[in-house]
PDB file of N, CA and C in Angstrom:
ATOM      1  N   ALA A   1      14.479  39.563 -22.188  1.00  0.00           N
ATOM      2  CA  ALA A   1      15.237  40.805 -22.198  1.00  0.00           C
ATOM      3  C   ALA A   1      16.022  40.912 -20.889  1.00  0.00           C
ATOM      4  N   ILE A   2      17.200  41.485 -21.012  1.00  0.00           N
ATOM      5  CA  ILE A   2      18.031  41.673 -19.821  1.00  0.00           C
ATOM      6  C   ILE A   2      17.661  43.012 -19.204  1.00  0.00           C
ATOM      7  N   PHE A   3      17.342  42.960 -17.930  1.00  0.00           N
ATOM      8  CA  PHE A   3      17.013  44.169 -17.180  1.00  0.00           C
ATOM      9  C   PHE A   3      18.205  44.553 -16.326  1.00  0.00           C
ATOM     10  N   PHE A   4      18.446  45.801 -16.140  1.00  0.00           N
ATOM     11  CA  PHE A   4      19.546  46.214 -15.277  1.00  0.00           C
ATOM     12  C   PHE A   4      19.337  45.689 -13.872  1.00  0.00           C
ATOM     13  N   LEU A   5      20.420  45.310 -13.248  1.00  0.00           N
ATOM     14  CA  LEU A   5      20.365  44.797 -11.884  1.00  0.00           C
ATOM     15  C   LEU A   5      19.700  45.807 -10.955  1.00  0.00           C
ATOM     16  N   LEU A   6      19.905  47.053 -11.208  1.00  0.00           N
ATOM     17  CA  LEU A   6      19.301  48.100 -10.388  1.00  0.00           C
ATOM     18  C   LEU A   6      17.796  47.900 -10.261  1.00  0.00           C
ATOM     19  N   ILE A   7      17.155  47.562 -11.345  1.00  0.00           N
ATOM     20  CA  ILE A   7      15.715  47.381 -11.342  1.00  0.00           C
ATOM     21  C   ILE A   7      15.346  46.061 -10.665  1.00  0.00           C
ATOM     22  N   SER A   8      16.091  45.006 -10.956  1.00  0.00           N
ATOM     23  CA  SER A   8      15.705  43.683 -10.471  1.00  0.00           C
ATOM     24  C   SER A   8      15.922  43.497  -8.982  1.00  0.00           C
ATOM     25  N   ILE A   9      16.868  44.216  -8.369  1.00  0.00           N
ATOM     26  CA  ILE A   9      17.062  44.047  -6.930  1.00  0.00           C
ATOM     27  C   ILE A   9      16.703  45.304  -6.150  1.00  0.00           C
ATOM     28  N   ASN A  10      16.320  46.364  -6.846  1.00  0.00           N
ATOM     29  CA  ASN A  10      15.804  47.564  -6.211  1.00  0.00           C
ATOM     30  C   ASN A  10      16.774  48.164  -5.201  1.00  0.00           C
ATOM     31  N   MET A  11      17.968  48.446  -5.641  1.00  0.00           N
ATOM     32  CA  MET A  11      18.969  49.053  -4.761  1.00  0.00           C
ATOM     33  C   MET A  11      18.717  50.552  -4.688  1.00  0.00           C
ATOM     34  N   THR A  12      18.544  51.077  -3.508  1.00  0.00           N
ATOM     35  CA  THR A  12      18.153  52.475  -3.372  1.00  0.00           C
ATOM     36  C   THR A  12      19.320  53.422  -3.135  1.00  0.00           C
ATOM     37  N   ALA A  13      20.315  53.043  -2.351  1.00  0.00           N
ATOM     38  CA  ALA A  13      21.349  53.993  -1.976  1.00  0.00           C
ATOM     39  C   ALA A  13      22.467  54.105  -2.996  1.00  0.00           C
ATOM     40  N   GLN A  14      22.782  53.040  -3.667  1.00  0.00           N
ATOM     41  CA  GLN A  14      23.900  53.060  -4.599  1.00  0.00           C
ATOM     42  C   GLN A  14      23.402  52.650  -5.972  1.00  0.00           C
ATOM     43  N   ASP A  15      23.603  53.491  -6.952  1.00  0.00           N
ATOM     44  CA  ASP A  15      23.135  53.231  -8.301  1.00  0.00           C
ATOM     45  C   ASP A  15      24.175  52.395  -9.044  1.00  0.00           C
ATOM     46  N   LEU A  16      23.890  51.120  -9.234  1.00  0.00           N
ATOM     47  CA  LEU A  16      24.847  50.224  -9.895  1.00  0.00           C
ATOM     48  C   LEU A  16      25.016  50.525 -11.376  1.00  0.00           C
ATOM     49  N   THR A  17      24.074  51.263 -11.949  1.00  0.00           N
ATOM     50  CA  THR A  17      24.210  51.562 -13.371  1.00  0.00           C
ATOM     51  C   THR A  17      25.426  52.443 -13.656  1.00  0.00           C
ATOM     52  N   GLN A  18      25.993  53.080 -12.657  1.00  0.00           N
ATOM     53  CA  GLN A  18      27.192  53.899 -12.879  1.00  0.00           C
ATOM     54  C   GLN A  18      28.383  53.058 -13.344  1.00  0.00           C
ATOM     55  N   TYR A  19      28.331  51.747 -13.102  1.00  0.00           N
ATOM     56  CA  TYR A  19      29.427  50.863 -13.500  1.00  0.00           C
ATOM     57  C   TYR A  19      29.234  50.259 -14.886  1.00  0.00           C
ATOM     58  N   THR A  20      28.038  50.446 -15.471  1.00  0.00           N
ATOM     59  CA  THR A  20      27.747  49.872 -16.776  1.00  0.00           C
ATOM     60  C   THR A  20      28.770  50.338 -17.804  1.00  0.00           C
ATOM     61  N   TRP A  21      29.272  49.384 -18.563  1.00  0.00           N
ATOM     62  CA  TRP A  21      30.274  49.553 -19.618  1.00  0.00           C
ATOM     63  C   TRP A  21      31.658  49.909 -19.080  1.00  0.00           C
ATOM     64  N   GLU A  22      31.801  50.047 -17.777  1.00  0.00           N
ATOM     65  CA  GLU A  22      33.101  50.331 -17.162  1.00  0.00           C
ATOM     66  C   GLU A  22      33.664  49.101 -16.447  1.00  0.00           C
ATOM     67  N   ASN A  23      32.818  48.436 -15.671  1.00  0.00           N
ATOM     68  CA  ASN A  23      33.246  47.286 -14.869  1.00  0.00           C
ATOM     69  C   ASN A  23      32.202  46.191 -14.907  1.00  0.00           C
ATOM     70  N   ARG A  24      32.694  44.962 -14.773  1.00  0.00           N
ATOM     71  CA  ARG A  24      31.821  43.841 -14.439  1.00  0.00           C
ATOM     72  C   ARG A  24      31.758  43.810 -12.919  1.00  0.00           C
ATOM     73  N   LEU A  25      30.652  43.357 -12.383  1.00  0.00           N
ATOM     74  CA  LEU A  25      30.493  43.342 -10.932  1.00  0.00           C
ATOM     75  C   LEU A  25      30.288  41.931 -10.418  1.00  0.00           C
ATOM     76  N   VAL A  26      30.898  41.643  -9.290  1.00  0.00           N
ATOM     77  CA  VAL A  26      30.488  40.519  -8.469  1.00  0.00           C
ATOM     78  C   VAL A  26      29.744  41.166  -7.319  1.00  0.00           C
ATOM     79  N   LEU A  27      28.444  40.940  -7.275  1.00  0.00           N
ATOM     80  CA  LEU A  27      27.605  41.518  -6.238  1.00  0.00           C
ATOM     81  C   LEU A  27      27.311  40.442  -5.206  1.00  0.00           C
ATOM     82  N   VAL A  28      27.700  40.715  -3.968  1.00  0.00           N
ATOM     83  CA  VAL A  28      27.428  39.808  -2.852  1.00  0.00           C
ATOM     84  C   VAL A  28      26.312  40.437  -2.028  1.00  0.00           C
ATOM     85  N   GLU A  29      25.177  39.779  -1.989  1.00  0.00           N
ATOM     86  CA  GLU A  29      24.055  40.228  -1.163  1.00  0.00           C
ATOM     87  C   GLU A  29      23.976  39.322   0.047  1.00  0.00           C
ATOM     88  N   THR A  30      23.854  39.927   1.213  1.00  0.00           N
ATOM     89  CA  THR A  30      23.826  39.148   2.449  1.00  0.00           C
ATOM     90  C   THR A  30      23.043  39.918   3.515  1.00  0.00           C
ATOM     91  N   PRO A  31      22.326  39.214   4.389  1.00  0.00           N
ATOM     92  CA  PRO A  31      21.575  39.934   5.427  1.00  0.00           C
ATOM     93  C   PRO A  31      22.480  40.826   6.288  1.00  0.00           C
ATOM     94  N   GLU A  32      23.646  40.301   6.669  1.00  0.00           N
ATOM     95  CA  GLU A  32      24.605  41.095   7.435  1.00  0.00           C
ATOM     96  C   GLU A  32      26.019  40.730   6.974  1.00  0.00           C
ATOM     97  N   PHE A  33      26.938  41.655   7.144  1.00  0.00           N
ATOM     98  CA  PHE A  33      28.297  41.470   6.633  1.00  0.00           C
ATOM     99  C   PHE A  33      29.019  40.283   7.267  1.00  0.00           C
ATOM    100  N   HIS A  34      28.661  39.904   8.478  1.00  0.00           N
ATOM    101  CA  HIS A  34      29.349  38.789   9.131  1.00  0.00           C
ATOM    102  C   HIS A  34      28.686  37.436   8.867  1.00  0.00           C
ATOM    103  N   ASN A  35      27.793  37.369   7.884  1.00  0.00           N
ATOM    104  CA  ASN A  35      27.160  36.121   7.470  1.00  0.00           C
ATOM    105  C   ASN A  35      28.238  35.120   7.029  1.00  0.00           C
ATOM    106  N   GLU A  36      28.112  33.869   7.459  1.00  0.00           N
ATOM    107  CA  GLU A  36      29.139  32.845   7.202  1.00  0.00           C
ATOM    108  C   GLU A  36      29.431  32.663   5.708  1.00  0.00           C
ATOM    109  N   LYS A  37      28.394  32.546   4.894  1.00  0.00           N
ATOM    110  CA  LYS A  37      28.605  32.378   3.451  1.00  0.00           C
ATOM    111  C   LYS A  37      29.272  33.614   2.849  1.00  0.00           C
ATOM    112  N   ALA A  38      28.835  34.782   3.267  1.00  0.00           N
ATOM    113  CA  ALA A  38      29.423  36.016   2.737  1.00  0.00           C
ATOM    114  C   ALA A  38      30.903  36.112   3.082  1.00  0.00           C
ATOM    115  N   LEU A  39      31.252  35.802   4.316  1.00  0.00           N
ATOM    116  CA  LEU A  39      32.655  35.842   4.723  1.00  0.00           C
ATOM    117  C   LEU A  39      33.499  34.853   3.930  1.00  0.00           C
ATOM    118  N   GLU A  40      32.968  33.656   3.718  1.00  0.00           N
ATOM    119  CA  GLU A  40      33.691  32.652   2.922  1.00  0.00           C
ATOM    120  C   GLU A  40      33.867  33.131   1.480  1.00  0.00           C
ATOM    121  N   GLN A  41      32.803  33.692   0.899  1.00  0.00           N
ATOM    122  CA  GLN A  41      32.881  34.185  -0.475  1.00  0.00           C
ATOM    123  C   GLN A  41      33.881  35.328  -0.593  1.00  0.00           C
ATOM    124  N   LEU A  42      33.858  36.235   0.352  1.00  0.00           N
ATOM    125  CA  LEU A  42      34.770  37.379   0.301  1.00  0.00           C
ATOM    126  C   LEU A  42      36.224  36.947   0.470  1.00  0.00           C
ATOM    127  N   THR A  43      36.470  35.937   1.274  1.00  0.00           N
ATOM    128  CA  THR A  43      37.828  35.406   1.413  1.00  0.00           C
ATOM    129  C   THR A  43      38.317  34.881   0.068  1.00  0.00           C
ATOM    130  N   LEU A  44      37.469  34.130  -0.629  1.00  0.00           N
ATOM    131  CA  LEU A  44      37.841  33.616  -1.954  1.00  0.00           C
ATOM    132  C   LEU A  44      38.095  34.761  -2.935  1.00  0.00           C
ATOM    133  N   LEU A  45      37.252  35.761  -2.911  1.00  0.00           N
ATOM    134  CA  LEU A  45      37.407  36.901  -3.816  1.00  0.00           C
ATOM    135  C   LEU A  45      38.695  37.677  -3.533  1.00  0.00           C
ATOM    136  N   LYS A  46      38.985  37.929  -2.269  1.00  0.00           N
ATOM    137  CA  LYS A  46      40.205  38.666  -1.915  1.00  0.00           C
ATOM    138  C   LYS A  46      41.454  37.928  -2.378  1.00  0.00           C
ATOM    139  N   GLN A  47      41.431  36.594  -2.279  1.00  0.00           N
ATOM    140  CA  GLN A  47      42.589  35.806  -2.704  1.00  0.00           C
ATOM    141  C   GLN A  47      42.865  35.965  -4.198  1.00  0.00           C
ATOM    142  N   GLU A  48      41.842  36.199  -4.975  1.00  0.00           N
ATOM    143  CA  GLU A  48      41.991  36.312  -6.429  1.00  0.00           C
ATOM    144  C   GLU A  48      41.980  37.765  -6.921  1.00  0.00           C
ATOM    145  N   SER A  49      41.913  38.721  -6.012  1.00  0.00           N
ATOM    146  CA  SER A  49      41.768  40.130  -6.399  1.00  0.00           C
ATOM    147  C   SER A  49      42.887  40.659  -7.296  1.00  0.00           C
ATOM    148  N   PRO A  50      44.123  40.128  -7.250  1.00  0.00           N
ATOM    149  CA  PRO A  50      45.125  40.634  -8.198  1.00  0.00           C
ATOM    150  C   PRO A  50      44.736  40.429  -9.670  1.00  0.00           C
ATOM    151  N   LYS A  51      43.849  39.513  -9.959  1.00  0.00           N
ATOM    152  CA  LYS A  51      43.428  39.239 -11.337  1.00  0.00           C
ATOM    153  C   LYS A  51      42.255  40.123 -11.779  1.00  0.00           C
ATOM    154  N   PHE A  52      41.671  40.886 -10.871  1.00  0.00           N
ATOM    155  CA  PHE A  52      40.453  41.632 -11.178  1.00  0.00           C
ATOM    156  C   PHE A  52      40.647  42.668 -12.283  1.00  0.00           C
ATOM    157  N   LYS A  53      41.805  43.293 -12.353  1.00  0.00           N
ATOM    158  CA  LYS A  53      42.028  44.324 -13.366  1.00  0.00           C
ATOM    159  C   LYS A  53      41.900  43.730 -14.768  1.00  0.00           C
ATOM    160  N   LYS A  54      42.491  42.559 -14.969  1.00  0.00           N
ATOM    161  CA  LYS A  54      42.422  41.890 -16.272  1.00  0.00           C
ATOM    162  C   LYS A  54      40.977  41.663 -16.700  1.00  0.00           C
ATOM    163  N   TYR A  55      40.107  41.341 -15.753  1.00  0.00           N
ATOM    164  CA  TYR A  55      38.719  41.005 -16.042  1.00  0.00           C
ATOM    165  C   TYR A  55      37.770  42.200 -15.867  1.00  0.00           C
ATOM    166  N   ARG A  56      38.336  43.363 -15.524  1.00  0.00           N
ATOM    167  CA  ARG A  56      37.543  44.569 -15.264  1.00  0.00           C
ATOM    168  C   ARG A  56      36.446  44.257 -14.251  1.00  0.00           C
ATOM    169  N   LEU A  57      36.860  43.655 -13.142  1.00  0.00           N
ATOM    170  CA  LEU A  57      35.945  43.141 -12.139  1.00  0.00           C
ATOM    171  C   LEU A  57      35.994  43.985 -10.877  1.00  0.00           C
ATOM    172  N   LEU A  58      34.833  44.264 -10.337  1.00  0.00           N
ATOM    173  CA  LEU A  58      34.692  45.039  -9.113  1.00  0.00           C
ATOM    174  C   LEU A  58      33.767  44.276  -8.176  1.00  0.00           C
ATOM    175  N   VAL A  59      34.133  44.190  -6.896  1.00  0.00           N
ATOM    176  CA  VAL A  59      33.308  43.508  -5.904  1.00  0.00           C
ATOM    177  C   VAL A  59      32.465  44.543  -5.168  1.00  0.00           C
ATOM    178  N   VAL A  60      31.165  44.269  -5.111  1.00  0.00           N
ATOM    179  CA  VAL A  60      30.234  45.132  -4.400  1.00  0.00           C
ATOM    180  C   VAL A  60      29.482  44.248  -3.408  1.00  0.00           C
ATOM    181  N   GLU A  61      29.426  44.695  -2.154  1.00  0.00           N
ATOM    182  CA  GLU A  61      28.672  43.986  -1.118  1.00  0.00           C
ATOM    183  C   GLU A  61      27.480  44.842  -0.728  1.00  0.00           C
ATOM    184  N   ARG A  62      26.363  44.185  -0.538  1.00  0.00           N
ATOM    185  CA  ARG A  62      25.140  44.879  -0.151  1.00  0.00           C
ATOM    186  C   ARG A  62      24.477  44.069   0.950  1.00  0.00           C
ATOM    187  N   SER A  63      24.183  44.728   2.070  1.00  0.00           N
ATOM    188  CA  SER A  63      23.511  44.052   3.184  1.00  0.00           C
ATOM    189  C   SER A  63      22.488  44.993   3.796  1.00  0.00           C
ATOM    190  N   ASN A  64      21.767  44.468   4.763  1.00  0.00           N
ATOM    191  CA  ASN A  64      20.827  45.309   5.503  1.00  0.00           C
ATOM    192  C   ASN A  64      21.571  46.349   6.332  1.00  0.00           C
ATOM    193  N   GLU A  65      22.867  46.142   6.533  1.00  0.00           N
ATOM    194  CA  GLU A  65      23.695  47.054   7.331  1.00  0.00           C
ATOM    195  C   GLU A  65      24.322  48.168   6.506  1.00  0.00           C
ATOM    196  N   GLY A  66      24.390  47.988   5.185  1.00  0.00           N
ATOM    197  CA  GLY A  66      25.012  49.001   4.352  1.00  0.00           C
ATOM    198  C   GLY A  66      25.516  48.446   3.039  1.00  0.00           C
ATOM    199  N   PHE A  67      26.384  49.222   2.424  1.00  0.00           N
ATOM    200  CA  PHE A  67      26.921  48.962   1.097  1.00  0.00           C
ATOM    201  C   PHE A  67      28.433  49.113   1.172  1.00  0.00           C
ATOM    202  N   ARG A  68      29.165  48.253   0.450  1.00  0.00           N
ATOM    203  CA  ARG A  68      30.629  48.344   0.460  1.00  0.00           C
ATOM    204  C   ARG A  68      31.143  47.993  -0.931  1.00  0.00           C
ATOM    205  N   LYS A  69      32.136  48.752  -1.397  1.00  0.00           N
ATOM    206  CA  LYS A  69      32.747  48.528  -2.704  1.00  0.00           C
ATOM    207  C   LYS A  69      34.215  48.190  -2.514  1.00  0.00           C
ATOM    208  N   SER A  70      34.672  47.164  -3.193  1.00  0.00           N
ATOM    209  CA  SER A  70      36.086  46.770  -3.204  1.00  0.00           C
ATOM    210  C   SER A  70      36.663  46.607  -1.805  1.00  0.00           C
ATOM    211  N   PHE A  71      35.922  45.956  -0.924  1.00  0.00           N
ATOM    212  CA  PHE A  71      36.370  45.640   0.429  1.00  0.00           C
ATOM    213  C   PHE A  71      36.644  46.887   1.266  1.00  0.00           C
ATOM    214  N   GLY A  72      36.092  48.018   0.869  1.00  0.00           N
ATOM    215  CA  GLY A  72      36.338  49.280   1.559  1.00  0.00           C
ATOM    216  C   GLY A  72      35.374  49.524   2.706  1.00  0.00           C
ATOM    217  N   PRO A  73      35.240  50.791   3.092  1.00  0.00           N
ATOM    218  CA  PRO A  73      34.354  51.132   4.214  1.00  0.00           C
ATOM    219  C   PRO A  73      32.882  50.973   3.836  1.00  0.00           C
ATOM    220  N   VAL A  74      32.071  50.799   4.850  1.00  0.00           N
ATOM    221  CA  VAL A  74      30.630  50.623   4.661  1.00  0.00           C
ATOM    222  C   VAL A  74      29.961  51.988   4.540  1.00  0.00           C
ATOM    223  N   THR A  75      29.087  52.102   3.558  1.00  0.00           N
ATOM    224  CA  THR A  75      28.235  53.270   3.387  1.00  0.00           C
ATOM    225  C   THR A  75      26.825  52.846   3.755  1.00  0.00           C
ATOM    226  N   MET A  76      26.176  53.612   4.585  1.00  0.00           N
ATOM    227  CA  MET A  76      24.822  53.273   5.011  1.00  0.00           C
ATOM    228  C   MET A  76      23.830  53.525   3.878  1.00  0.00           C
ATOM    229  N   HIS A  77      22.784  52.728   3.844  1.00  0.00           N
ATOM    230  CA  HIS A  77      21.701  52.928   2.889  1.00  0.00           C
ATOM    231  C   HIS A  77      20.435  52.321   3.463  1.00  0.00           C
ATOM    232  N   SER A  78      19.314  52.681   2.873  1.00  0.00           N
ATOM    233  CA  SER A  78      18.047  52.099   3.306  1.00  0.00           C
ATOM    234  C   SER A  78      17.519  51.209   2.188  1.00  0.00           C
ATOM    235  N   LEU A  79      16.849  50.149   2.581  1.00  0.00           N
ATOM    236  CA  LEU A  79      16.304  49.198   1.621  1.00  0.00           C
ATOM    237  C   LEU A  79      14.794  49.149   1.732  1.00  0.00           C
ATOM    238  N   GLU A  80      14.122  49.053   0.606  1.00  0.00           N
ATOM    239  CA  GLU A  80      12.676  48.855   0.636  1.00  0.00           C
ATOM    240  C   GLU A  80      12.355  47.458   1.141  1.00  0.00           C
ATOM    241  N   ASP A  81      13.103  46.472   0.647  1.00  0.00           N
ATOM    242  CA  ASP A  81      12.897  45.078   1.025  1.00  0.00           C
ATOM    243  C   ASP A  81      14.167  44.548   1.666  1.00  0.00           C
ATOM    244  N   PRO A  82      14.113  44.097   2.916  1.00  0.00           N
ATOM    245  CA  PRO A  82      15.313  43.577   3.579  1.00  0.00           C
ATOM    246  C   PRO A  82      15.858  42.340   2.854  1.00  0.00           C
ATOM    247  N   ILE A  83      17.156  42.181   2.918  1.00  0.00           N
ATOM    248  CA  ILE A  83      17.816  41.007   2.360  1.00  0.00           C
ATOM    249  C   ILE A  83      17.687  39.884   3.382  1.00  0.00           C
ATOM    250  N   THR A  84      17.225  38.724   2.937  1.00  0.00           N
ATOM    251  CA  THR A  84      16.997  37.621   3.864  1.00  0.00           C
ATOM    252  C   THR A  84      17.967  36.465   3.674  1.00  0.00           C
ATOM    253  N   ASP A  85      18.598  36.369   2.505  1.00  0.00           N
ATOM    254  CA  ASP A  85      19.477  35.247   2.206  1.00  0.00           C
ATOM    255  C   ASP A  85      20.719  35.711   1.453  1.00  0.00           C
ATOM    256  N   PHE A  86      21.767  34.898   1.530  1.00  0.00           N
ATOM    257  CA  PHE A  86      22.983  35.129   0.765  1.00  0.00           C
ATOM    258  C   PHE A  86      22.708  34.873  -0.717  1.00  0.00           C
ATOM    259  N   LYS A  87      23.183  35.779  -1.562  1.00  0.00           N
ATOM    260  CA  LYS A  87      23.138  35.605  -3.015  1.00  0.00           C
ATOM    261  C   LYS A  87      24.396  36.228  -3.600  1.00  0.00           C
ATOM    262  N   ILE A  88      24.856  35.649  -4.684  1.00  0.00           N
ATOM    263  CA  ILE A  88      25.988  36.222  -5.400  1.00  0.00           C
ATOM    264  C   ILE A  88      25.622  36.306  -6.872  1.00  0.00           C
ATOM    265  N   TYR A  89      25.993  37.422  -7.483  1.00  0.00           N
ATOM    266  CA  TYR A  89      25.685  37.682  -8.886  1.00  0.00           C
ATOM    267  C   TYR A  89      26.974  38.046  -9.621  1.00  0.00           C
ATOM    268  N   LEU A  90      27.030  37.693 -10.890  1.00  0.00           N
ATOM    269  CA  LEU A  90      28.024  38.254 -11.799  1.00  0.00           C
ATOM    270  C   LEU A  90      27.243  39.126 -12.768  1.00  0.00           C
ATOM    271  N   ILE A  91      27.605  40.402 -12.825  1.00  0.00           N
ATOM    272  CA  ILE A  91      26.931  41.376 -13.671  1.00  0.00           C
ATOM    273  C   ILE A  91      27.889  41.765 -14.796  1.00  0.00           C
ATOM    274  N   GLY A  92      27.424  41.657 -16.026  1.00  0.00           N
ATOM    275  CA  GLY A  92      28.263  41.985 -17.181  1.00  0.00           C
ATOM    276  C   GLY A  92      28.411  43.477 -17.386  1.00  0.00           C
ATOM    277  N   LEU A  93      29.262  43.835 -18.330  1.00  0.00           N
ATOM    278  CA  LEU A  93      29.470  45.247 -18.659  1.00  0.00           C
ATOM    279  C   LEU A  93      28.170  45.924 -19.088  1.00  0.00           C
ATOM    280  N   ASP A  94      27.262  45.145 -19.676  1.00  0.00           N
ATOM    281  CA  ASP A  94      25.990  45.693 -20.135  1.00  0.00           C
ATOM    282  C   ASP A  94      24.960  45.855 -19.024  1.00  0.00           C
ATOM    283  N   GLY A  95      25.312  45.435 -17.789  1.00  0.00           N
ATOM    284  CA  GLY A  95      24.393  45.539 -16.662  1.00  0.00           C
ATOM    285  C   GLY A  95      23.498  44.331 -16.500  1.00  0.00           C
ATOM    286  N   GLY A  96      23.634  43.338 -17.366  1.00  0.00           N
ATOM    287  CA  GLY A  96      22.810  42.138 -17.286  1.00  0.00           C
ATOM    288  C   GLY A  96      23.378  41.113 -16.321  1.00  0.00           C
ATOM    289  N   ILE A  97      22.493  40.349 -15.710  1.00  0.00           N
ATOM    290  CA  ILE A  97      22.908  39.290 -14.795  1.00  0.00           C
ATOM    291  C   ILE A  97      23.403  38.115 -15.618  1.00  0.00           C
ATOM    292  N   LYS A  98      24.667  37.751 -15.443  1.00  0.00           N
ATOM    293  CA  LYS A  98      25.284  36.652 -16.182  1.00  0.00           C
ATOM    294  C   LYS A  98      25.332  35.367 -15.363  1.00  0.00           C
ATOM    295  N   PHE A  99      25.255  35.501 -14.041  1.00  0.00           N
ATOM    296  CA  PHE A  99      25.306  34.351 -13.144  1.00  0.00           C
ATOM    297  C   PHE A  99      24.676  34.766 -11.830  1.00  0.00           C
ATOM    298  N   LYS A 100      23.956  33.810 -11.209  1.00  0.00           N
ATOM    299  CA  LYS A 100      23.332  34.062  -9.911  1.00  0.00           C
ATOM    300  C   LYS A 100      23.345  32.761  -9.135  1.00  0.00           C
ATOM    301  N   SER A 101      23.676  32.831  -7.837  1.00  0.00           N
ATOM    302  CA  SER A 101      23.695  31.639  -7.001  1.00  0.00           C
ATOM    303  C   SER A 101      23.395  32.007  -5.555  1.00  0.00           C
ATOM    304  N   THR A 102      22.929  31.020  -4.817  1.00  0.00           N
ATOM    305  CA  THR A 102      22.737  31.173  -3.379  1.00  0.00           C
ATOM    306  C   THR A 102      23.825  30.416  -2.615  1.00  0.00           C
ATOM    307  N   GLU A 103      24.818  29.923  -3.343  1.00  0.00           N
ATOM    308  CA  GLU A 103      25.925  29.175  -2.743  1.00  0.00           C
ATOM    309  C   GLU A 103      27.244  29.897  -2.976  1.00  0.00           C
ATOM    310  N   VAL A 104      28.184  29.693  -2.086  1.00  0.00           N
ATOM    311  CA  VAL A 104      29.530  30.232  -2.257  1.00  0.00           C
ATOM    312  C   VAL A 104      30.091  29.661  -3.561  1.00  0.00           C
ATOM    313  N   THR A 105      30.707  30.523  -4.354  1.00  0.00           N
ATOM    314  CA  THR A 105      31.144  30.157  -5.701  1.00  0.00           C
ATOM    315  C   THR A 105      32.645  30.387  -5.853  1.00  0.00           C
ATOM    316  N   GLU A 106      33.327  29.412  -6.432  1.00  0.00           N
ATOM    317  CA  GLU A 106      34.752  29.568  -6.717  1.00  0.00           C
ATOM    318  C   GLU A 106      34.934  30.721  -7.693  1.00  0.00           C
ATOM    319  N   VAL A 107      35.912  31.551  -7.469  1.00  0.00           N
ATOM    320  CA  VAL A 107      36.143  32.738  -8.287  1.00  0.00           C
ATOM    321  C   VAL A 107      36.497  32.355  -9.722  1.00  0.00           C
ATOM    322  N   GLN A 108      37.129  31.219  -9.905  1.00  0.00           N
ATOM    323  CA  GLN A 108      37.469  30.770 -11.258  1.00  0.00           C
ATOM    324  C   GLN A 108      36.222  30.646 -12.133  1.00  0.00           C
ATOM    325  N   LYS A 109      35.087  30.339 -11.536  1.00  0.00           N
ATOM    326  CA  LYS A 109      33.822  30.271 -12.277  1.00  0.00           C
ATOM    327  C   LYS A 109      33.528  31.610 -12.943  1.00  0.00           C
ATOM    328  N   PHE A 110      33.748  32.701 -12.216  1.00  0.00           N
ATOM    329  CA  PHE A 110      33.528  34.030 -12.783  1.00  0.00           C
ATOM    330  C   PHE A 110      34.525  34.315 -13.896  1.00  0.00           C
ATOM    331  N   PHE A 111      35.796  33.985 -13.657  1.00  0.00           N
ATOM    332  CA  PHE A 111      36.817  34.208 -14.678  1.00  0.00           C
ATOM    333  C   PHE A 111      36.487  33.428 -15.949  1.00  0.00           C
ATOM    334  N   ASP A 112      36.048  32.179 -15.799  1.00  0.00           N
ATOM    335  CA  ASP A 112      35.706  31.360 -16.960  1.00  0.00           C
ATOM    336  C   ASP A 112      34.519  31.943 -17.722  1.00  0.00           C
ATOM    337  N   LEU A 113      33.494  32.383 -16.989  1.00  0.00           N
ATOM    338  CA  LEU A 113      32.335  32.995 -17.638  1.00  0.00           C
ATOM    339  C   LEU A 113      32.727  34.270 -18.383  1.00  0.00           C
ATOM    340  N   ILE A 114      33.514  35.100 -17.736  1.00  0.00           N
ATOM    341  CA  ILE A 114      33.945  36.354 -18.361  1.00  0.00           C
ATOM    342  C   ILE A 114      34.793  36.063 -19.599  1.00  0.00           C
ATOM    343  N   SER A 115      35.676  35.095 -19.502  1.00  0.00           N
ATOM    344  CA  SER A 115      36.547  34.751 -20.632  1.00  0.00           C
ATOM    345  C   SER A 115      35.751  34.301 -21.855  1.00  0.00           C
ATOM    346  N   SER A 116      34.560  33.759 -21.636  1.00  0.00           N
ATOM    347  CA  SER A 116      33.737  33.289 -22.748  1.00  0.00           C
ATOM    348  C   SER A 116      32.853  34.389 -23.337  1.00  0.00           C
ATOM    349  N   MET A 117      32.852  35.567 -22.724  1.00  0.00           N
ATOM    350  CA  MET A 117      31.991  36.655 -23.188  1.00  0.00           C
ATOM    351  C   MET A 117      32.630  37.398 -24.352  1.00  0.00           C
ATOM    352  N   PRO A 118      31.833  37.766 -25.365  1.00  0.00           N
ATOM    353  CA  PRO A 118      32.381  38.506 -26.499  1.00  0.00           C
ATOM    354  C   PRO A 118      33.075  39.814 -26.090  1.00  0.00           C
ATOM    355  N   MET A 119      32.526  40.512 -25.115  1.00  0.00           N
ATOM    356  CA  MET A 119      33.135  41.779 -24.689  1.00  0.00           C
ATOM    357  C   MET A 119      34.515  41.558 -24.081  1.00  0.00           C
ATOM    358  N   PHE A 120      34.756  40.418 -23.463  1.00  0.00           N
ATOM    359  CA  PHE A 120      36.066  40.152 -22.879  1.00  0.00           C
ATOM    360  C   PHE A 120      37.106  40.014 -23.991  1.00  0.00           C
ATOM    361  N   LYS A 121      36.740  39.374 -25.063  1.00  0.00           N
ATOM    362  CA  LYS A 121      37.664  39.210 -26.181  1.00  0.00           C
ATOM    363  C   LYS A 121      38.069  40.566 -26.741  1.00  0.00           C
ATOM    364  N   GLU A 122      37.141  41.534 -26.725  1.00  0.00           N
ATOM    365  CA  GLU A 122      37.441  42.876 -27.202  1.00  0.00           C
ATOM    366  C   GLU A 122      38.318  43.650 -26.223  1.00  0.00           C
ATOM    367  N   ASP A 123      38.256  43.292 -24.926  1.00  0.00           N
ATOM    368  CA  ASP A 123      39.045  43.981 -23.903  1.00  0.00           C
ATOM    369  C   ASP A 123      40.538  43.784 -24.108  1.00  0.00           C
ATOM    370  N   LYS A 124      40.926  42.659 -24.663  1.00  0.00           N
ATOM    371  CA  LYS A 124      42.342  42.288 -24.725  1.00  0.00           C
ATOM    372  C   LYS A 124      43.157  43.205 -25.594  1.00  0.00           C
TER     373      LYS A 124
END
């Protein structure tokens, strides 16, 4: 069974379920915002951001330092369990985890996965 990301990563300050059925999420988890992998991943994401509307994609960053949506300002939050490693997730419209990695991922991978999803075909 697919569990909402909210439950599986225990995010306390920002309720990710508010995006369910509205947006797909690329969630970047990192111990701190200046983490090398996180910075590399965000650079790749920013380069492809003009395509995000087509894919109904939203970037969310979560670190021990705070929370950030769409490369915007940081909102402070508290975590029950500190983030120790870089992780990236693709979350579908249904809130289920469609992809998870501990490595920097080419953005085209997300586009390809989304393009193969039944809900994407309905979006067109």
